[in-house]
Amino acid sequence: MEAERWGRRIRAFRKLKGYTQEKLAKELGISVSILGEIERGNRMPSDSLVGQIAERLNISVEELTPPKMESNK
C-alpha cells in the first residue's frame, strides 16, 4: 500500500514536470523498468532515490512524500 502511494505521487509529479519515464530514469541512472516498478507500486523507492527524484523534478522531498493516511479509530 505504501509503495503504491509513493508510485502514484512520483508518476504524477513526473508527468506534471514534463518528464517521460525514459528521460527521468536516464537522469537518475536507473533502468526504465525499475522506475516503472516504482510507479506501479511494485517496488519501494529508497530514501536516496526519493531525494534524487525530488531534486530532478525541482521539488522538495516533503512535496513528493505522500500525505499520512488517517487511521480509522
PDB file of N, CA and C in Angstrom:
ATOM      1  N   MET A   1       0.824  -1.190   0.000  1.00  0.00           N
ATOM      2  CA  MET A   1       0.000   0.000   0.000  1.00  0.00           C
ATOM      3  C   MET A   1       0.872   1.259   0.000  1.00  0.00           C
ATOM      4  N   GLU A   2       1.871   1.268   0.865  1.00  0.00           N
ATOM      5  CA  GLU A   2       2.769   2.422   0.938  1.00  0.00           C
ATOM      6  C   GLU A   2       3.510   2.633  -0.383  1.00  0.00           C
ATOM      7  N   ALA A   3       3.978   1.543  -0.986  1.00  0.00           N
ATOM      8  CA  ALA A   3       4.694   1.639  -2.262  1.00  0.00           C
ATOM      9  C   ALA A   3       3.780   2.192  -3.352  1.00  0.00           C
ATOM     10  N   GLU A   4       2.503   1.814  -3.330  1.00  0.00           N
ATOM     11  CA  GLU A   4       1.551   2.323  -4.327  1.00  0.00           C
ATOM     12  C   GLU A   4       1.369   3.831  -4.190  1.00  0.00           C
ATOM     13  N   ARG A   5       1.296   4.306  -2.964  1.00  0.00           N
ATOM     14  CA  ARG A   5       1.131   5.742  -2.738  1.00  0.00           C
ATOM     15  C   ARG A   5       2.350   6.520  -3.233  1.00  0.00           C
ATOM     16  N   TRP A   6       3.547   5.990  -2.963  1.00  0.00           N
ATOM     17  CA  TRP A   6       4.770   6.622  -3.472  1.00  0.00           C
ATOM     18  C   TRP A   6       4.758   6.627  -4.994  1.00  0.00           C
ATOM     19  N   GLY A   7       4.406   5.487  -5.569  1.00  0.00           N
ATOM     20  CA  GLY A   7       4.410   5.371  -7.020  1.00  0.00           C
ATOM     21  C   GLY A   7       3.479   6.357  -7.695  1.00  0.00           C
ATOM     22  N   ARG A   8       2.280   6.503  -7.145  1.00  0.00           N
ATOM     23  CA  ARG A   8       1.313   7.459  -7.714  1.00  0.00           C
ATOM     24  C   ARG A   8       1.837   8.885  -7.640  1.00  0.00           C
ATOM     25  N   ARG A   9       2.460   9.238  -6.527  1.00  0.00           N
ATOM     26  CA  ARG A   9       2.992  10.597  -6.366  1.00  0.00           C
ATOM     27  C   ARG A   9       4.140  10.854  -7.340  1.00  0.00           C
ATOM     28  N   ILE A  10       5.040   9.887  -7.446  1.00  0.00           N
ATOM     29  CA  ILE A  10       6.187  10.053  -8.339  1.00  0.00           C
ATOM     30  C   ILE A  10       5.702  10.189  -9.779  1.00  0.00           C
ATOM     31  N   ARG A  11       4.777   9.330 -10.197  1.00  0.00           N
ATOM     32  CA  ARG A  11       4.247   9.398 -11.561  1.00  0.00           C
ATOM     33  C   ARG A  11       3.567  10.747 -11.816  1.00  0.00           C
ATOM     34  N   ALA A  12       2.752  11.199 -10.873  1.00  0.00           N
ATOM     35  CA  ALA A  12       2.026  12.458 -11.054  1.00  0.00           C
ATOM     36  C   ALA A  12       2.989  13.638 -11.199  1.00  0.00           C
ATOM     37  N   PHE A  13       3.989  13.711 -10.319  1.00  0.00           N
ATOM     38  CA  PHE A  13       4.941  14.813 -10.413  1.00  0.00           C
ATOM     39  C   PHE A  13       5.810  14.695 -11.664  1.00  0.00           C
ATOM     40  N   ARG A  14       6.170  13.478 -12.053  1.00  0.00           N
ATOM     41  CA  ARG A  14       6.970  13.290 -13.276  1.00  0.00           C
ATOM     42  C   ARG A  14       6.217  13.846 -14.477  1.00  0.00           C
ATOM     43  N   LYS A  15       4.949  13.481 -14.589  1.00  0.00           N
ATOM     44  CA  LYS A  15       4.139  13.959 -15.718  1.00  0.00           C
ATOM     45  C   LYS A  15       3.921  15.466 -15.648  1.00  0.00           C
ATOM     46  N   LEU A  16       3.664  15.974 -14.447  1.00  0.00           N
ATOM     47  CA  LEU A  16       3.450  17.399 -14.256  1.00  0.00           C
ATOM     48  C   LEU A  16       4.665  18.208 -14.717  1.00  0.00           C
ATOM     49  N   LYS A  17       5.849  17.666 -14.478  1.00  0.00           N
ATOM     50  CA  LYS A  17       7.087  18.357 -14.839  1.00  0.00           C
ATOM     51  C   LYS A  17       7.536  18.061 -16.271  1.00  0.00           C
ATOM     52  N   GLY A  18       6.738  17.269 -17.014  1.00  0.00           N
ATOM     53  CA  GLY A  18       7.020  17.033 -18.426  1.00  0.00           C
ATOM     54  C   GLY A  18       8.081  15.992 -18.725  1.00  0.00           C
ATOM     55  N   TYR A  19       8.336  15.108 -17.785  1.00  0.00           N
ATOM     56  CA  TYR A  19       9.327  14.050 -17.995  1.00  0.00           C
ATOM     57  C   TYR A  19       8.651  12.772 -18.492  1.00  0.00           C
ATOM     58  N   THR A  20       9.322  12.075 -19.401  1.00  0.00           N
ATOM     59  CA  THR A  20       8.920  10.709 -19.735  1.00  0.00           C
ATOM     60  C   THR A  20       9.629   9.786 -18.751  1.00  0.00           C
ATOM     61  N   GLN A  21       9.158   8.555 -18.662  1.00  0.00           N
ATOM     62  CA  GLN A  21       9.859   7.590 -17.807  1.00  0.00           C
ATOM     63  C   GLN A  21      11.288   7.423 -18.294  1.00  0.00           C
ATOM     64  N   GLU A  22      11.464   7.372 -19.593  1.00  0.00           N
ATOM     65  CA  GLU A  22      12.801   7.160 -20.164  1.00  0.00           C
ATOM     66  C   GLU A  22      13.755   8.279 -19.768  1.00  0.00           C
ATOM     67  N   LYS A  23      13.297   9.525 -19.898  1.00  0.00           N
ATOM     68  CA  LYS A  23      14.168  10.665 -19.601  1.00  0.00           C
ATOM     69  C   LYS A  23      14.516  10.711 -18.110  1.00  0.00           C
ATOM     70  N   LEU A  24      13.523  10.541 -17.250  1.00  0.00           N
ATOM     71  CA  LEU A  24      13.797  10.608 -15.815  1.00  0.00           C
ATOM     72  C   LEU A  24      14.696   9.459 -15.378  1.00  0.00           C
ATOM     73  N   ALA A  25      14.408   8.258 -15.867  1.00  0.00           N
ATOM     74  CA  ALA A  25      15.237   7.105 -15.500  1.00  0.00           C
ATOM     75  C   ALA A  25      16.689   7.332 -15.914  1.00  0.00           C
ATOM     76  N   LYS A  26      16.890   7.853 -17.112  1.00  0.00           N
ATOM     77  CA  LYS A  26      18.256   8.104 -17.597  1.00  0.00           C
ATOM     78  C   LYS A  26      18.968   9.120 -16.709  1.00  0.00           C
ATOM     79  N   GLU A  27      18.271  10.199 -16.342  1.00  0.00           N
ATOM     80  CA  GLU A  27      18.887  11.222 -15.496  1.00  0.00           C
ATOM     81  C   GLU A  27      19.183  10.703 -14.087  1.00  0.00           C
ATOM     82  N   LEU A  28      18.383   9.733 -13.629  1.00  0.00           N
ATOM     83  CA  LEU A  28      18.598   9.153 -12.304  1.00  0.00           C
ATOM     84  C   LEU A  28      19.636   8.032 -12.317  1.00  0.00           C
ATOM     85  N   GLY A  29      19.962   7.543 -13.516  1.00  0.00           N
ATOM     86  CA  GLY A  29      20.913   6.443 -13.619  1.00  0.00           C
ATOM     87  C   GLY A  29      20.310   5.103 -13.249  1.00  0.00           C
ATOM     88  N   ILE A  30      18.994   4.960 -13.460  1.00  0.00           N
ATOM     89  CA  ILE A  30      18.315   3.679 -13.206  1.00  0.00           C
ATOM     90  C   ILE A  30      17.631   3.233 -14.491  1.00  0.00           C
ATOM     91  N   SER A  31      17.218   1.989 -14.531  1.00  0.00           N
ATOM     92  CA  SER A  31      16.544   1.496 -15.732  1.00  0.00           C
ATOM     93  C   SER A  31      15.082   1.945 -15.732  1.00  0.00           C
ATOM     94  N   VAL A  32      14.521   2.002 -16.931  1.00  0.00           N
ATOM     95  CA  VAL A  32      13.107   2.354 -17.085  1.00  0.00           C
ATOM     96  C   VAL A  32      12.244   1.324 -16.367  1.00  0.00           C
ATOM     97  N   SER A  33      12.660   0.063 -16.386  1.00  0.00           N
ATOM     98  CA  SER A  33      11.855  -0.969 -15.727  1.00  0.00           C
ATOM     99  C   SER A  33      11.809  -0.762 -14.216  1.00  0.00           C
ATOM    100  N   ILE A  34      12.897  -0.306 -13.615  1.00  0.00           N
ATOM    101  CA  ILE A  34      12.885  -0.027 -12.174  1.00  0.00           C
ATOM    102  C   ILE A  34      11.946   1.147 -11.880  1.00  0.00           C
ATOM    103  N   LEU A  35      12.041   2.212 -12.665  1.00  0.00           N
ATOM    104  CA  LEU A  35      11.148   3.348 -12.460  1.00  0.00           C
ATOM    105  C   LEU A  35       9.695   2.921 -12.654  1.00  0.00           C
ATOM    106  N   GLY A  36       9.440   2.089 -13.650  1.00  0.00           N
ATOM    107  CA  GLY A  36       8.086   1.584 -13.873  1.00  0.00           C
ATOM    108  C   GLY A  36       7.576   0.772 -12.692  1.00  0.00           C
ATOM    109  N   GLU A  37       8.427  -0.065 -12.132  1.00  0.00           N
ATOM    110  CA  GLU A  37       8.044  -0.860 -10.957  1.00  0.00           C
ATOM    111  C   GLU A  37       7.706   0.046  -9.776  1.00  0.00           C
ATOM    112  N   ILE A  38       8.473   1.101  -9.601  1.00  0.00           N
ATOM    113  CA  ILE A  38       8.208   2.051  -8.514  1.00  0.00           C
ATOM    114  C   ILE A  38       6.868   2.739  -8.754  1.00  0.00           C
ATOM    115  N   GLU A  39       6.657   3.220  -9.975  1.00  0.00           N
ATOM    116  CA  GLU A  39       5.424   3.945 -10.278  1.00  0.00           C
ATOM    117  C   GLU A  39       4.186   3.049 -10.179  1.00  0.00           C
ATOM    118  N   ARG A  40       4.338   1.765 -10.455  1.00  0.00           N
ATOM    119  CA  ARG A  40       3.209   0.832 -10.337  1.00  0.00           C
ATOM    120  C   ARG A  40       2.990   0.358  -8.903  1.00  0.00           C
ATOM    121  N   GLY A  41       3.908   0.724  -8.013  1.00  0.00           N
ATOM    122  CA  GLY A  41       3.765   0.328  -6.613  1.00  0.00           C
ATOM    123  C   GLY A  41       4.290  -1.057  -6.323  1.00  0.00           C
ATOM    124  N   ASN A  42       5.083  -1.614  -7.242  1.00  0.00           N
ATOM    125  CA  ASN A  42       5.665  -2.938  -7.041  1.00  0.00           C
ATOM    126  C   ASN A  42       7.013  -2.882  -6.337  1.00  0.00           C
ATOM    127  N   ARG A  43       7.554  -1.689  -6.203  1.00  0.00           N
ATOM    128  CA  ARG A  43       8.884  -1.527  -5.578  1.00  0.00           C
ATOM    129  C   ARG A  43       8.880  -0.224  -4.781  1.00  0.00           C
ATOM    130  N   MET A  44       9.411  -0.283  -3.588  1.00  0.00           N
ATOM    131  CA  MET A  44       9.502   0.903  -2.725  1.00  0.00           C
ATOM    132  C   MET A  44      10.792   1.652  -3.050  1.00  0.00           C
ATOM    133  N   PRO A  45      10.699   2.963  -3.323  1.00  0.00           N
ATOM    134  CA  PRO A  45      11.936   3.711  -3.606  1.00  0.00           C
ATOM    135  C   PRO A  45      12.748   3.909  -2.329  1.00  0.00           C
ATOM    136  N   SER A  46      14.062   3.852  -2.454  1.00  0.00           N
ATOM    137  CA  SER A  46      14.929   4.103  -1.294  1.00  0.00           C
ATOM    138  C   SER A  46      14.887   5.595  -0.955  1.00  0.00           C
ATOM    139  N   ASP A  47      15.286   5.922   0.255  1.00  0.00           N
ATOM    140  CA  ASP A  47      15.338   7.330   0.666  1.00  0.00           C
ATOM    141  C   ASP A  47      16.255   8.123  -0.256  1.00  0.00           C
ATOM    142  N   SER A  48      17.361   7.513  -0.639  1.00  0.00           N
ATOM    143  CA  SER A  48      18.310   8.164  -1.528  1.00  0.00           C
ATOM    144  C   SER A  48      17.681   8.464  -2.887  1.00  0.00           C
ATOM    145  N   LEU A  49      16.949   7.484  -3.423  1.00  0.00           N
ATOM    146  CA  LEU A  49      16.309   7.673  -4.726  1.00  0.00           C
ATOM    147  C   LEU A  49      15.212   8.726  -4.645  1.00  0.00           C
ATOM    148  N   VAL A  50      14.464   8.743  -3.558  1.00  0.00           N
ATOM    149  CA  VAL A  50      13.421   9.768  -3.383  1.00  0.00           C
ATOM    150  C   VAL A  50      14.058  11.158  -3.441  1.00  0.00           C
ATOM    151  N   GLY A  51      15.191  11.321  -2.773  1.00  0.00           N
ATOM    152  CA  GLY A  51      15.905  12.597  -2.804  1.00  0.00           C
ATOM    153  C   GLY A  51      16.352  12.973  -4.205  1.00  0.00           C
ATOM    154  N   GLN A  52      16.861  11.995  -4.940  1.00  0.00           N
ATOM    155  CA  GLN A  52      17.302  12.249  -6.315  1.00  0.00           C
ATOM    156  C   GLN A  52      16.129  12.627  -7.215  1.00  0.00           C
ATOM    157  N   ILE A  53      15.006  11.920  -7.053  1.00  0.00           N
ATOM    158  CA  ILE A  53      13.820  12.213  -7.868  1.00  0.00           C
ATOM    159  C   ILE A  53      13.327  13.630  -7.577  1.00  0.00           C
ATOM    160  N   ALA A  54      13.233  13.975  -6.299  1.00  0.00           N
ATOM    161  CA  ALA A  54      12.782  15.320  -5.921  1.00  0.00           C
ATOM    162  C   ALA A  54      13.697  16.383  -6.518  1.00  0.00           C
ATOM    163  N   GLU A  55      14.994  16.146  -6.440  1.00  0.00           N
ATOM    164  CA  GLU A  55      15.956  17.113  -6.983  1.00  0.00           C
ATOM    165  C   GLU A  55      15.773  17.273  -8.492  1.00  0.00           C
ATOM    166  N   ARG A  56      15.652  16.164  -9.206  1.00  0.00           N
ATOM    167  CA  ARG A  56      15.479  16.222 -10.667  1.00  0.00           C
ATOM    168  C   ARG A  56      14.184  16.921 -11.070  1.00  0.00           C
ATOM    169  N   LEU A  57      13.139  16.723 -10.264  1.00  0.00           N
ATOM    170  CA  LEU A  57      11.842  17.323 -10.584  1.00  0.00           C
ATOM    171  C   LEU A  57      11.705  18.729 -10.004  1.00  0.00           C
ATOM    172  N   ASN A  58      12.769  19.188  -9.341  1.00  0.00           N
ATOM    173  CA  ASN A  58      12.810  20.526  -8.772  1.00  0.00           C
ATOM    174  C   ASN A  58      11.688  20.756  -7.760  1.00  0.00           C
ATOM    175  N   ILE A  59      11.476  19.767  -6.906  1.00  0.00           N
ATOM    176  CA  ILE A  59      10.514  19.870  -5.813  1.00  0.00           C
ATOM    177  C   ILE A  59      11.205  19.388  -4.545  1.00  0.00           C
ATOM    178  N   SER A  60      10.592  19.660  -3.411  1.00  0.00           N
ATOM    179  CA  SER A  60      11.176  19.196  -2.151  1.00  0.00           C
ATOM    180  C   SER A  60      10.751  17.752  -1.882  1.00  0.00           C
ATOM    181  N   VAL A  61      11.529  17.079  -1.057  1.00  0.00           N
ATOM    182  CA  VAL A  61      11.175  15.717  -0.647  1.00  0.00           C
ATOM    183  C   VAL A  61       9.821  15.747   0.073  1.00  0.00           C
ATOM    184  N   GLU A  62       9.575  16.812   0.827  1.00  0.00           N
ATOM    185  CA  GLU A  62       8.301  16.936   1.545  1.00  0.00           C
ATOM    186  C   GLU A  62       7.122  16.982   0.578  1.00  0.00           C
ATOM    187  N   GLU A  63       7.285  17.703  -0.546  1.00  0.00           N
ATOM    188  CA  GLU A  63       6.217  17.756  -1.554  1.00  0.00           C
ATOM    189  C   GLU A  63       5.970  16.381  -2.167  1.00  0.00           C
ATOM    190  N   LEU A  64       7.038  15.652  -2.386  1.00  0.00           N
ATOM    191  CA  LEU A  64       6.939  14.342  -3.024  1.00  0.00           C
ATOM    192  C   LEU A  64       6.385  13.278  -2.078  1.00  0.00           C
ATOM    193  N   THR A  65       6.622  13.438  -0.796  1.00  0.00           N
ATOM    194  CA  THR A  65       6.184  12.448   0.197  1.00  0.00           C
ATOM    195  C   THR A  65       4.660  12.369   0.263  1.00  0.00           C
ATOM    196  N   PRO A  66       4.105  11.156   0.145  1.00  0.00           N
ATOM    197  CA  PRO A  66       2.648  11.024   0.242  1.00  0.00           C
ATOM    198  C   PRO A  66       2.153  11.488   1.612  1.00  0.00           C
ATOM    199  N   PRO A  67       0.988  12.132   1.646  1.00  0.00           N
ATOM    200  CA  PRO A  67       0.444  12.541   2.945  1.00  0.00           C
ATOM    201  C   PRO A  67       0.137  11.326   3.809  1.00  0.00           C
ATOM    202  N   LYS A  68       0.220  11.520   5.095  1.00  0.00           N
ATOM    203  CA  LYS A  68      -0.073  10.421   6.033  1.00  0.00           C
ATOM    204  C   LYS A  68      -1.547  10.074   5.949  1.00  0.00           C
ATOM    205  N   MET A  69      -1.798   8.762   5.949  1.00  0.00           N
ATOM    206  CA  MET A  69      -3.195   8.309   5.933  1.00  0.00           C
ATOM    207  C   MET A  69      -3.733   8.361   7.359  1.00  0.00           C
ATOM    208  N   GLU A  70      -4.973   8.802   7.477  1.00  0.00           N
ATOM    209  CA  GLU A  70      -5.604   8.827   8.797  1.00  0.00           C
ATOM    210  C   GLU A  70      -6.056   7.419   9.142  1.00  0.00           C
ATOM    211  N   SER A  71      -5.772   7.020  10.355  1.00  0.00           N
ATOM    212  CA  SER A  71      -6.201   5.678  10.784  1.00  0.00           C
ATOM    213  C   SER A  71      -7.663   5.726  11.190  1.00  0.00           C
ATOM    214  N   ASN A  72      -8.366   4.645  10.936  1.00  0.00           N
ATOM    215  CA  ASN A  72      -9.776   4.533  11.328  1.00  0.00           C
ATOM    216  C   ASN A  72      -9.850   4.091  12.773  1.00  0.00           C
ATOM    217  N   LYS A  73     -10.388   4.922  13.613  1.00  0.00           N
ATOM    218  CA  LYS A  73     -10.462   4.594  15.042  1.00  0.00           C
ATOM    219  C   LYS A  73     -11.844   4.134  15.404  1.00  0.00           C
TER     220      LYS A  73
END
